[in-house]
Protein backbone atom coordinates (compact mmCIF):
# COMPACT_ATOMS: atom_id res chain seq x y z
CA MET A 1 -121.23 31.97 263.45
CA ILE A 2 -117.45 31.85 264.00
CA ILE A 3 -116.15 30.49 267.57
CA THR A 4 -114.17 32.57 269.27
CA TRP A 5 -112.65 31.66 272.88
CA GLU A 6 -111.49 34.06 276.32
CA LYS A 7 -109.16 32.80 277.95
CA VAL A 8 -110.32 30.00 280.70
CA VAL A 9 -107.26 28.46 282.59
CA LYS A 10 -109.97 25.33 284.58
CA ASN A 11 -110.80 26.77 288.18
CA ILE A 12 -112.29 23.84 289.80
CA ILE A 13 -113.01 25.73 293.26
CA LEU A 14 -114.68 28.33 291.07
CA ALA A 15 -116.64 26.13 289.22
CA THR A 16 -117.90 23.98 292.42
CA SER A 17 -119.08 27.35 293.85
CA LEU A 18 -120.75 28.37 291.08
CA MET A 19 -122.49 24.71 290.64
CA ALA A 20 -123.22 24.96 294.43
CA THR A 21 -125.70 27.80 293.28
CA ILE A 22 -128.12 26.04 291.41
CA SER A 23 -131.08 25.13 292.75
CA LEU A 24 -131.86 21.68 291.12
CA PRO A 25 -135.14 19.16 291.76
CA VAL A 26 -134.77 16.30 293.11
CA LEU A 27 -134.32 13.69 290.98
CA ALA A 28 -137.41 11.81 290.55
CA GLU A 29 -137.38 7.84 290.67
CA THR A 30 -137.80 6.55 287.33
CA THR A 31 -139.28 3.15 286.47
CA PHE A 32 -137.15 3.24 282.99
CA VAL A 33 -135.71 0.00 283.41
CA GLN A 34 -138.58 -1.91 284.15
CA SER A 35 -140.12 -1.06 281.21
CA LEU A 36 -136.95 -0.72 279.06
CA ASP A 37 -137.91 -4.04 276.21
CA LEU A 38 -134.31 -4.71 275.03
CA ALA A 39 -135.69 -6.67 272.45
CA GLN A 40 -137.34 -3.76 270.79
CA TYR A 41 -134.26 -1.95 271.54
CA ARG A 42 -132.05 -4.88 269.53
CA THR A 43 -133.87 -5.10 266.78
CA ASP A 44 -134.20 -1.11 266.10
CA VAL A 45 -130.37 -1.58 266.52
CA LYS A 46 -130.09 -4.81 264.15
CA THR A 47 -132.44 -3.53 261.64
CA LEU A 48 -130.56 -0.01 261.46
CA ALA A 49 -127.16 -1.74 260.86
CA SER A 50 -128.01 -4.19 258.63
CA ASP A 51 -126.73 -4.82 254.95
CA ALA A 52 -130.19 -3.79 253.96
CA PHE A 53 -129.59 -0.32 254.83
CA GLY A 54 -126.69 0.08 253.24
CA GLY A 55 -124.38 2.27 255.97
CA ARG A 56 -127.07 4.89 256.22
CA ALA A 57 -125.61 7.25 254.02
CA PRO A 58 -127.72 10.31 253.09
CA LEU A 59 -128.74 10.36 249.92
CA SER A 60 -128.94 6.83 249.65
CA GLU A 61 -131.46 4.44 249.49
CA GLY A 62 -130.42 4.07 252.98
CA GLU A 63 -131.75 7.36 254.07
CA ASN A 64 -135.34 6.16 253.11
CA LEU A 65 -135.11 2.93 254.30
CA THR A 66 -133.85 4.65 257.93
CA LEU A 67 -136.90 7.81 257.30
CA ASP A 68 -139.36 5.26 257.02
CA TYR A 69 -138.26 3.16 260.20
CA LEU A 70 -138.28 6.28 262.29
CA VAL A 71 -141.43 8.28 260.71
CA LYS A 72 -143.06 4.43 261.47
CA ALA A 73 -141.97 4.47 265.36
CA PHE A 74 -142.96 7.51 266.22
CA LYS A 75 -146.42 7.75 264.54
CA ASP A 76 -146.70 4.12 266.09
CA MET A 77 -146.07 5.97 269.47
CA GLY A 78 -148.52 8.62 268.96
CA LEU A 79 -145.53 11.22 269.43
CA LYS A 80 -146.51 14.60 267.26
CA PRO A 81 -145.13 15.66 264.56
CA GLY A 82 -141.56 17.95 265.22
CA PHE A 83 -141.69 20.28 262.70
CA GLY A 84 -145.48 21.38 262.05
CA ASP A 85 -147.66 18.83 260.27
CA SER A 86 -144.22 16.66 258.99
CA TYR A 87 -141.95 14.70 260.92
CA LEU A 88 -138.93 15.21 258.43
CA GLN A 89 -137.67 18.99 258.01
CA ALA A 90 -135.54 18.88 254.36
CA VAL A 91 -131.69 19.51 254.63
CA PRO A 92 -130.55 21.12 251.42
CA LEU A 93 -127.47 19.66 250.29
CA ALA A 94 -124.68 19.30 248.09
CA GLN A 95 -123.39 15.87 246.74
CA ILE A 96 -119.95 16.46 245.82
CA SER A 97 -118.16 13.37 244.36
CA ALA A 98 -114.80 14.27 243.35
CA ASP A 99 -112.97 11.86 240.77
CA GLN A 100 -110.53 9.92 243.58
CA ASN A 101 -107.52 9.37 240.14
CA MET A 102 -106.23 12.55 241.54
CA GLN A 103 -102.73 13.04 242.29
CA LEU A 104 -101.18 15.67 244.65
CA ASP A 105 -97.72 17.22 243.28
CA ILE A 106 -95.50 19.12 245.21
CA GLY A 107 -91.67 20.26 244.48
CA GLY A 108 -92.12 17.87 241.77
CA LEU A 109 -92.94 14.75 244.69
CA LYS A 110 -96.22 13.40 243.83
CA PHE A 111 -98.25 11.50 246.14
CA ALA A 112 -101.12 8.85 245.83
CA ASN A 113 -104.95 9.61 246.59
CA GLY A 114 -105.93 7.90 249.80
CA SER A 115 -102.64 5.94 250.60
CA GLU A 116 -100.50 9.11 251.27
CA PHE A 117 -103.04 12.18 251.49
CA THR A 118 -107.04 12.98 250.87
CA ALA A 119 -108.80 15.95 249.63
CA ARG A 120 -112.01 17.43 248.78
CA THR A 121 -113.56 20.70 248.65
CA GLN A 122 -117.12 22.14 249.64
CA ARG A 123 -117.22 24.76 247.27
CA ILE A 124 -120.18 24.15 244.17
CA ALA A 125 -117.90 24.11 241.08
CA GLU A 126 -116.77 21.26 238.44
CA THR A 127 -113.45 21.91 238.86
CA VAL A 128 -110.96 23.01 241.66
CA SER A 129 -107.18 23.74 240.39
CA LEU A 130 -104.07 24.23 242.66
CA ASN A 131 -101.60 25.86 239.98
CA LYS A 132 -98.20 26.35 240.85
CA SER A 133 -99.35 27.51 244.82
CA ASP A 134 -96.65 28.25 247.20
CA VAL A 135 -96.62 26.22 249.94
CA VAL A 136 -96.51 27.61 253.48
CA PHE A 137 -95.75 25.79 256.53
CA VAL A 138 -98.00 28.00 259.36
CA GLY A 139 -97.63 25.71 262.47
CA TYR A 140 -100.67 25.08 263.88
CA GLY A 141 -103.27 27.53 262.03
CA ILE A 142 -104.14 29.01 264.91
CA ASN A 143 -105.60 32.88 265.13
CA ALA A 144 -106.62 33.09 269.20
CA PRO A 145 -106.11 36.15 270.40
CA GLU A 146 -107.27 35.07 274.04
CA TYR A 147 -104.20 32.75 274.10
CA GLY A 148 -101.69 35.38 272.41
CA TRP A 149 -101.32 33.08 269.50
CA ASN A 150 -101.06 33.90 265.87
CA ASP A 151 -99.50 31.69 263.47
CA TYR A 152 -100.95 34.33 260.54
CA GLN A 153 -99.12 37.28 261.83
CA GLY A 154 -97.59 39.00 259.08
CA LEU A 155 -98.26 36.72 256.88
CA ASP A 156 -99.92 36.97 253.26
CA VAL A 157 -101.33 33.39 252.39
CA LYS A 158 -104.00 35.16 249.89
CA GLY A 159 -104.01 32.20 247.04
CA LYS A 160 -101.13 30.02 248.53
CA THR A 161 -101.46 26.11 250.36
CA VAL A 162 -100.77 25.77 253.67
CA ILE A 163 -99.61 22.87 255.75
CA VAL A 164 -100.81 22.50 259.22
CA LEU A 165 -100.54 20.47 262.56
CA VAL A 166 -103.30 18.94 263.86
CA ASN A 167 -104.84 19.72 267.70
CA ASP A 168 -103.10 22.59 269.20
CA PRO A 169 -100.07 23.46 271.26
CA GLY A 170 -101.32 22.42 274.61
CA PHE A 171 -101.54 19.13 273.67
CA ALA A 172 -97.91 19.20 272.25
CA THR A 173 -96.95 20.89 275.33
CA GLN A 174 -98.73 19.13 278.21
CA ASP A 175 -98.80 22.46 279.57
CA PRO A 176 -102.08 23.40 281.25
CA ALA A 177 -101.00 26.91 280.83
CA VAL A 178 -100.77 26.51 276.97
CA PHE A 179 -104.51 26.50 275.71
CA LYS A 180 -105.62 23.97 278.28
CA GLY A 181 -102.98 21.58 278.18
CA ASN A 182 -103.82 18.52 277.09
CA ALA A 183 -107.51 18.75 276.64
CA MET A 184 -108.21 20.24 272.95
CA THR A 185 -109.91 23.54 272.15
CA TYR A 186 -112.03 24.49 269.48
CA TYR A 187 -108.78 25.86 267.45
CA GLY A 188 -107.33 22.04 267.83
CA ARG A 189 -110.10 20.95 265.46
CA TRP A 190 -109.64 19.72 261.71
CA THR A 191 -112.78 22.05 261.38
CA TYR A 192 -111.36 25.20 262.75
CA LYS A 193 -107.97 25.03 260.78
CA TYR A 194 -110.50 25.09 257.35
CA GLU A 195 -112.06 28.46 258.42
CA GLU A 196 -109.37 30.05 259.66
CA ALA A 197 -107.38 29.48 256.78
CA ALA A 198 -110.30 30.67 254.58
CA ARG A 199 -110.29 33.56 256.19
CA GLN A 200 -106.96 34.43 255.73
CA GLY A 201 -107.84 33.91 251.74
CA ALA A 202 -105.80 30.54 251.32
CA GLU A 203 -106.39 27.98 248.93
CA ALA A 204 -105.76 25.17 250.34
CA VAL A 205 -105.09 23.70 253.74
CA PHE A 206 -103.48 19.93 254.33
CA ILE A 207 -103.33 19.13 257.67
CA VAL A 208 -100.71 16.09 258.63
CA HIS A 209 -102.44 13.69 260.51
CA GLU A 210 -100.69 11.99 263.38
CA THR A 211 -102.93 9.33 265.33
CA ALA A 212 -102.40 10.74 268.95
CA PRO A 213 -103.08 14.46 268.35
CA ALA A 214 -105.88 13.24 265.93
CA ALA A 215 -107.24 10.81 268.38
CA TYR A 216 -107.89 8.25 265.33
CA GLY A 217 -105.90 6.17 262.55
CA TRP A 218 -105.37 7.03 258.89
CA GLY A 219 -107.79 4.91 257.90
CA VAL A 220 -110.65 7.02 259.66
CA VAL A 221 -109.57 10.08 257.77
CA GLN A 222 -109.44 8.10 254.34
CA ASN A 223 -112.91 6.78 254.91
CA SER A 224 -114.07 10.01 256.06
CA ASN A 225 -112.04 12.38 253.45
CA THR A 226 -112.66 10.28 249.98
CA GLY A 227 -115.83 9.39 247.78
CA THR A 228 -118.66 11.09 248.05
CA LYS A 229 -119.15 14.13 250.22
CA PHE A 230 -121.90 16.16 251.44
CA THR A 231 -122.51 20.06 252.38
CA LEU A 232 -124.89 22.84 253.08
CA VAL A 233 -124.72 25.29 250.45
CA ASP A 234 -124.81 28.94 251.04
CA ALA A 235 -126.37 32.06 248.97
CA ASN A 236 -122.39 32.04 247.10
CA ASN A 237 -121.86 28.62 246.20
CA ASN A 238 -119.30 28.06 249.31
CA GLN A 239 -116.93 30.54 247.57
CA GLY A 240 -115.86 31.71 250.45
CA GLN A 241 -114.70 28.33 252.16
CA VAL A 242 -111.27 27.19 251.16
CA GLY A 243 -110.84 25.01 248.07
CA VAL A 244 -108.85 22.23 249.31
CA MET A 245 -109.76 20.40 252.36
CA GLY A 246 -106.58 17.92 252.74
CA TRP A 247 -104.86 15.63 254.91
CA ILE A 248 -101.46 14.13 254.22
CA GLN A 249 -99.76 11.53 255.99
CA HIS A 250 -96.71 12.31 258.97
CA GLU A 251 -94.48 10.35 256.51
CA THR A 252 -95.79 12.27 253.27
CA ALA A 253 -94.70 15.61 255.43
CA GLN A 254 -91.69 14.31 255.93
CA LYS A 255 -90.70 14.03 252.71
CA ILE A 256 -92.32 17.68 251.43
CA PHE A 257 -90.17 19.23 253.92
CA THR A 258 -86.85 17.10 253.07
CA LYS A 259 -87.44 18.41 249.39
CA ALA A 260 -87.64 21.78 250.79
CA GLY A 261 -84.64 21.67 252.87
CA LEU A 262 -86.16 21.08 256.00
CA ASP A 263 -86.99 18.68 259.00
CA PHE A 264 -90.30 18.72 259.55
CA ASP A 265 -89.98 16.91 263.10
CA THR A 266 -87.77 19.71 264.50
CA LEU A 267 -90.04 22.44 262.87
CA LYS A 268 -93.14 20.82 264.46
CA GLN A 269 -91.74 21.04 268.14
CA GLN A 270 -90.95 24.60 267.58
CA ALA A 271 -94.21 25.32 266.45
CA ALA A 272 -95.73 24.44 269.90
CA LYS A 273 -93.67 27.44 271.09
CA PRO A 274 -95.07 31.17 271.23
CA ASN A 275 -94.40 33.19 268.40
CA PHE A 276 -93.47 30.73 265.81
CA LYS A 277 -93.12 32.59 262.44
CA ALA A 278 -94.12 30.88 259.47
CA ILE A 279 -91.91 29.12 256.98
CA PRO A 280 -92.29 29.36 253.11
CA LEU A 281 -91.29 26.36 251.74
CA LYS A 282 -90.18 27.52 248.35
CA LEU A 283 -92.18 24.45 246.67
CA SER A 284 -95.32 24.99 244.85
CA ALA A 285 -98.00 22.55 244.21
CA GLN A 286 -100.48 21.43 242.36
CA LEU A 287 -103.97 19.29 242.15
CA THR A 288 -107.25 19.23 240.27
CA LEU A 289 -110.10 17.97 241.88
CA ASN A 290 -113.12 17.57 239.32
CA ASN A 291 -116.48 17.00 240.84
CA LYS A 292 -119.46 15.38 240.30
CA ILE A 293 -122.52 17.82 242.28
CA GLU A 294 -126.07 17.02 242.15
CA ARG A 295 -128.17 18.59 244.39
CA ALA A 296 -130.58 17.31 246.70
CA GLU A 297 -132.56 16.89 249.94
CA SER A 298 -131.93 14.71 252.64
CA HIS A 299 -133.86 15.37 256.20
CA ASN A 300 -133.62 15.32 259.78
CA VAL A 301 -136.31 13.24 261.67
CA ALA A 302 -137.94 14.57 264.91
CA ALA A 303 -141.18 14.27 267.02
CA LEU A 304 -143.05 15.93 269.55
CA LEU A 305 -144.11 15.18 272.80
CA PRO A 306 -146.22 18.30 274.24
CA GLY A 307 -145.62 19.34 277.66
CA LYS A 308 -148.92 19.74 280.18
CA THR A 309 -148.22 23.86 281.85
CA ARG A 310 -144.80 24.86 279.52
CA PRO A 311 -145.17 23.13 276.22
CA ASP A 312 -143.19 26.11 274.33
CA GLU A 313 -140.25 25.12 276.77
CA VAL A 314 -138.22 22.17 275.17
CA VAL A 315 -136.06 19.79 276.89
CA MET A 316 -134.49 17.81 273.12
CA MET A 317 -132.86 14.19 272.95
CA HIS A 318 -131.11 13.31 270.41
CA ALA A 319 -128.67 10.83 267.86
CA HIS A 320 -127.72 11.23 264.73
CA TRP A 321 -128.88 8.84 262.28
CA ASP A 322 -126.83 8.81 259.93
CA HIS A 323 -123.47 6.85 258.75
CA LEU A 324 -121.01 6.82 256.37
CA GLY A 325 -122.36 4.37 253.92
CA THR A 326 -120.26 2.05 251.30
CA VAL A 327 -116.82 2.64 250.73
CA ILE A 328 -114.15 0.82 248.31
CA GLU A 329 -111.11 -0.81 250.25
CA ASP A 330 -108.57 -2.80 248.45
CA GLY A 331 -110.86 -3.10 245.06
CA LYS A 332 -113.87 -4.25 247.22
CA SER A 333 -117.16 -2.62 248.29
CA GLU A 334 -117.69 -2.44 251.97
CA ILE A 335 -120.80 -1.43 254.25
CA LEU A 336 -119.78 0.49 257.11
CA ASN A 337 -123.19 -0.05 259.16
CA GLY A 338 -121.98 2.11 262.38
CA ALA A 339 -124.07 -0.40 264.73
CA VAL A 340 -122.57 1.30 267.78
CA ASP A 341 -122.03 4.51 266.23
CA ASN A 342 -124.79 5.46 266.08
CA ALA A 343 -127.72 3.35 265.68
CA SER A 344 -127.00 2.27 269.11
CA GLY A 345 -128.04 5.88 269.97
CA VAL A 346 -130.89 5.92 267.73
CA ALA A 347 -132.29 2.89 269.13
CA GLY A 348 -131.58 4.33 272.70
CA VAL A 349 -133.70 7.49 271.09
CA LEU A 350 -136.89 5.30 270.35
CA ALA A 351 -136.85 3.63 273.84
CA LEU A 352 -136.87 6.92 275.61
CA ALA A 353 -139.88 8.30 273.52
CA ARG A 354 -141.27 4.86 273.94
CA TYR A 355 -141.44 5.53 277.71
CA PHE A 356 -142.04 8.93 278.12
CA LYS A 357 -145.00 8.65 275.74
CA GLN A 358 -146.44 5.58 278.29
CA GLN A 359 -145.38 8.16 281.35
CA ALA A 360 -147.82 11.34 279.89
CA LYS A 361 -150.63 8.72 280.22
CA THR A 362 -150.31 9.47 284.03
CA ALA A 363 -147.51 11.46 284.77
CA PRO A 364 -146.91 13.99 281.71
CA LEU A 365 -143.98 16.17 282.32
CA ASP A 366 -144.18 20.32 282.75
CA ARG A 367 -141.88 21.07 279.47
CA SER A 368 -142.07 19.26 276.05
CA VAL A 369 -139.57 16.26 274.91
CA LEU A 370 -138.77 16.94 271.19
CA PHE A 371 -137.04 13.44 270.26
CA SER A 372 -134.72 14.27 266.97
CA ALA A 373 -132.30 12.21 264.77
CA PHE A 374 -130.74 14.72 262.37
CA THR A 375 -128.34 13.44 258.89
CA ALA A 376 -124.90 14.23 257.68
CA GLU A 377 -123.64 14.31 261.10
CA GLU A 378 -120.45 11.99 259.85
CA THR A 379 -119.93 14.79 257.50
CA GLY A 380 -119.38 17.52 259.62
CA LEU A 381 -122.26 18.19 261.81
CA ILE A 382 -125.09 19.43 258.49
CA GLY A 383 -127.87 18.28 259.36
CA ALA A 384 -127.48 20.00 262.83
CA GLN A 385 -126.33 23.15 261.45
CA HIS A 386 -129.27 23.09 258.99
CA PHE A 387 -131.66 22.87 262.55
CA ALA A 388 -129.97 25.39 264.32
CA GLN A 389 -130.00 27.65 261.80
CA HIS A 390 -133.84 26.88 261.21
CA PRO A 391 -134.84 25.32 264.02
CA SER A 392 -138.84 24.08 264.62
CA VAL A 393 -138.36 26.41 268.07
CA PRO A 394 -136.84 28.82 268.45
CA THR A 395 -133.51 28.15 270.04
CA LYS A 396 -134.08 30.25 273.07
CA ASN A 397 -136.91 28.13 274.04
CA ILE A 398 -134.39 25.35 274.05
CA VAL A 399 -133.62 24.11 277.87
CA ALA A 400 -130.89 21.54 276.96
CA PHE A 401 -129.96 19.43 274.05
CA LEU A 402 -128.91 15.83 275.26
CA ASN A 403 -127.21 14.08 272.69
CA ILE A 404 -126.35 10.41 272.57
CA ASP A 405 -123.29 9.73 269.86
CA GLY A 406 -122.39 5.74 270.79
CA MET A 407 -123.71 3.96 273.23
CA ASN A 408 -121.66 1.36 275.96
CA VAL A 409 -123.55 -1.99 274.58
CA ASN A 410 -121.08 -4.32 277.14
CA LYS A 411 -121.71 -4.47 280.51
CA GLY A 412 -122.58 -1.87 283.22
CA VAL A 413 -120.34 -0.04 284.95
CA ASP A 414 -120.01 1.97 287.92
CA TYR A 415 -119.24 5.17 286.58
CA ILE A 416 -120.68 7.63 283.53
CA LEU A 417 -118.57 9.70 281.08
CA ARG A 418 -118.55 13.54 281.34
CA TYR A 419 -117.03 15.54 278.33
CA GLY A 420 -115.80 18.65 279.72
CA GLU A 421 -115.61 20.27 283.21
CA GLY A 422 -117.03 23.73 284.17
CA VAL A 423 -118.51 24.02 280.94
CA SER A 424 -122.35 24.56 282.24
CA GLU A 425 -124.58 23.63 284.70
CA LEU A 426 -125.62 20.24 283.14
CA GLU A 427 -123.01 18.88 284.63
CA GLN A 428 -124.54 18.85 287.97
CA TYR A 429 -127.57 17.64 286.64
CA LEU A 430 -125.53 14.37 285.49
CA ASP A 431 -123.88 14.66 288.70
CA ASN A 432 -126.99 14.13 290.59
CA ALA A 433 -128.18 11.95 288.03
CA ALA A 434 -125.33 9.62 288.59
CA LYS A 435 -125.46 10.01 292.07
CA ALA A 436 -129.13 8.17 292.53
CA GLN A 437 -127.57 5.02 290.55
CA GLU A 438 -124.92 4.89 293.22
CA ARG A 439 -122.39 5.61 290.15
CA SER A 440 -119.49 7.94 290.12
CA VAL A 441 -119.06 10.81 287.17
CA LYS A 442 -115.81 10.08 285.38
CA ALA A 443 -113.88 12.87 283.57
CA ASP A 444 -112.63 12.13 279.74
CA PRO A 445 -110.52 9.82 279.56
CA ARG A 446 -109.56 11.62 276.69
CA PRO A 447 -109.82 15.11 276.60
CA GLN A 448 -107.16 15.54 273.39
CA ASN A 449 -109.69 14.15 271.52
CA GLY A 450 -112.04 17.30 271.48
CA LEU A 451 -115.33 15.40 271.49
CA MET A 452 -117.13 18.16 272.70
CA PHE A 453 -116.78 20.08 269.28
CA ARG A 454 -117.18 16.12 267.02
CA SER A 455 -121.17 15.93 267.87
CA ASP A 456 -124.37 17.36 266.61
CA HIS A 457 -124.77 19.36 270.46
CA PHE A 458 -121.62 21.54 269.05
CA ALA A 459 -124.12 23.22 266.52
CA LEU A 460 -126.81 23.99 269.05
CA ALA A 461 -124.18 25.06 271.52
CA GLN A 462 -123.02 27.71 269.11
CA GLN A 463 -126.78 29.24 269.22
CA GLY A 464 -126.30 29.26 273.08
CA VAL A 465 -127.86 26.17 273.92
CA PRO A 466 -126.50 24.48 276.29
CA GLY A 467 -125.57 20.74 275.31
CA LEU A 468 -124.38 17.11 277.34
CA LEU A 469 -122.88 14.36 275.39
CA PHE A 470 -123.32 10.12 276.51
CA MET A 471 -120.86 8.93 274.18
CA SER A 472 -119.17 5.36 275.27
CA LEU A 473 -116.85 4.84 272.07
CA GLY A 474 -113.84 2.51 272.80
CA ASP A 475 -114.63 3.20 276.26
CA THR A 476 -115.89 -0.28 277.45
CA ASP A 477 -114.45 -1.54 274.01
CA PRO A 478 -110.56 -1.08 273.78
CA ASP A 479 -110.68 -2.37 270.22
CA TYR A 480 -113.36 -0.07 268.70
CA ILE A 481 -111.02 2.87 267.95
CA ALA A 482 -108.50 0.67 266.82
CA HIS A 483 -110.70 -1.40 264.46
CA LYS A 484 -114.35 -0.47 264.16
CA TYR A 485 -114.45 2.64 264.62
CA HIS A 486 -115.79 4.08 260.72
CA LYS A 487 -114.62 0.53 259.75
CA PRO A 488 -116.82 -2.16 258.12
CA ALA A 489 -116.20 -3.96 261.92
CA ASP A 490 -118.81 -1.56 263.26
CA ASP A 491 -121.27 -4.51 263.10
CA TYR A 492 -124.77 -5.69 265.32
CA ASP A 493 -123.43 -8.56 267.66
CA PRO A 494 -126.02 -10.43 269.24
CA SER A 495 -123.81 -11.43 272.02
CA TRP A 496 -123.93 -8.14 273.42
CA ASN A 497 -124.53 -7.66 276.65
CA LEU A 498 -126.58 -4.23 276.94
CA GLY A 499 -126.04 -3.59 280.83
CA GLY A 500 -124.61 -0.33 279.94
CA VAL A 501 -127.29 0.84 277.42
CA SER A 502 -129.96 -0.50 280.66
CA GLN A 503 -127.93 2.11 283.14
CA ASP A 504 -127.28 5.15 280.93
CA LEU A 505 -131.08 5.47 279.52
CA ASP A 506 -132.08 5.06 283.09
CA LEU A 507 -130.11 7.88 283.73
CA ILE A 508 -130.83 10.08 280.62
CA ALA A 509 -134.38 9.51 281.54
CA SER A 510 -134.02 10.69 285.32
CA MET A 511 -132.19 14.12 284.10
CA ILE A 512 -134.91 14.58 281.37
CA THR A 513 -137.74 14.16 284.13
CA SER A 514 -135.72 16.70 286.41
CA LEU A 515 -135.39 19.00 283.29
CA ALA A 516 -138.50 19.19 281.99
CA ASN A 517 -140.41 19.18 285.50
CA SER A 518 -137.97 22.01 286.75
CA THR A 519 -138.22 26.07 285.74
CA ASP A 520 -134.25 25.99 285.75
CA TRP A 521 -132.44 27.36 282.78
CA PRO A 522 -128.94 25.58 282.42
CA HIS A 523 -126.41 28.29 282.52
CA TRP A 524 -122.97 28.21 280.78
CA LEU A 525 -120.18 28.35 282.95
CA GLU A 526 -117.46 29.45 281.49
CA SER A 527 -116.96 32.57 279.71
CA SER A 528 -117.32 31.59 275.76
CA ASP A 529 -119.75 32.75 272.50
CA PHE A 530 -121.84 29.91 273.78
CA LYS A 531 -122.28 31.69 276.98
CA ALA A 532 -123.17 35.70 275.48
CA LYS A 533 -125.58 34.21 272.72
CA ARG A 534 -127.30 32.26 275.45
CA GLU A 535 -127.41 36.11 277.98
CA GLN A 536 -128.61 37.66 274.62
CA ASP A 537 -131.37 35.39 274.52
CA GLY A 538 -132.15 36.67 277.71
CA ARG A 539 -131.51 33.30 280.05
CA LYS A 540 -129.17 34.73 282.26
């Protein structure tokens, strides 16, 4: 499903008045904190993030170990399989390994893979080539009628290579009247850039990386886009997707534009203004991707706690189980264990599952709870997309999708982060749960990072299911994004305080209790395809 957005300027007064009409049940007091076994939580994180699991890459021995661990845990709890008679859902993947000895040539300038550019494909083809492909700078690469913006207007890019800027013009201008100002829209996400370029017929896209608008350094781009990657496969072997999905360093872009007799930084400023016209660079690109392709099945995991009175209505509690496996850095093999991202979240889901299974003996919930962990989130929400297309329960029966993607393993704080504002009525549930803990709700301190679109809840949102993201990456550890995120340093640390884990899981337990014992169906607040899909499902 391709997202199209109607222009919405955030209106706090309107959002508040809408939320005031929501009839919310009183939050039940939980005994979650008293029941939380922090020693078990530590064991879960330490095991999942151990070197023996090899970074939990899909289709690796680390996947097998992870699946065995999670299935055994759910069986030991006495939870029912989440997919009929199985705890596992097969996710058919293509594993594409491009020869990393590639070189990008633009206008006779030659660039090194990894340090100056990255390139990959999701097409199922042993070779994908750019052969004298004309290069065009198309600004942000956005076609957004509701914002009065079309970087492709009057432009034919069929078979061509387009260079685009990361994020969207709102971030560049910091003007709340331009897109959503500092807060990234889906038009700013790299996934959208590739999707739109494919619709326009481009053969290749290179996104210019800059740390501030991307929200991460080049090391994240390099680790996330080199080596073996995974993709779902459509009936046309993904031939409708853009051939080359690339990134280039800022300095690389400057060299290319200088070769074309242009100044990149000047044109970047111009591209943030309405009615910017694309500029052919009068240079050609050459690149060959030699791919090794293997087809295999990865797996989503889920376990069900049936509700007492309305078992067909389901609240989902989720965390993705995968990470990036093993990479080669400076000629050395490094394991990316992903302890915070996202072994901490998976351990949180297990802790919540144990609690609610125990509670069901004396106080069963009215609605069912599905505890899930999906594969290949790090490669583009692939497991979540497959589940969204092949759900174990109809998406119209999923009340909400609560998603943990990195917990606060440090001391507790007097606030909880909220990602998005005026998006759905789940925000009011969050407000109530935080108030019960005497905590405040703090707006996303980095809305420019677009975290609303970067984790598994987004795939379900595209099917109309309201979601809420619980994430603390870098919030209580200022060193995390710079030196640990998607890097070898994201390891389990026995000195973690885990105060934040205790309080956040207690808050989430309260929300699950409230949602599962309610008859409400949280609604979307702002106009979007999310809201339209939900209304089509009869959840008005």
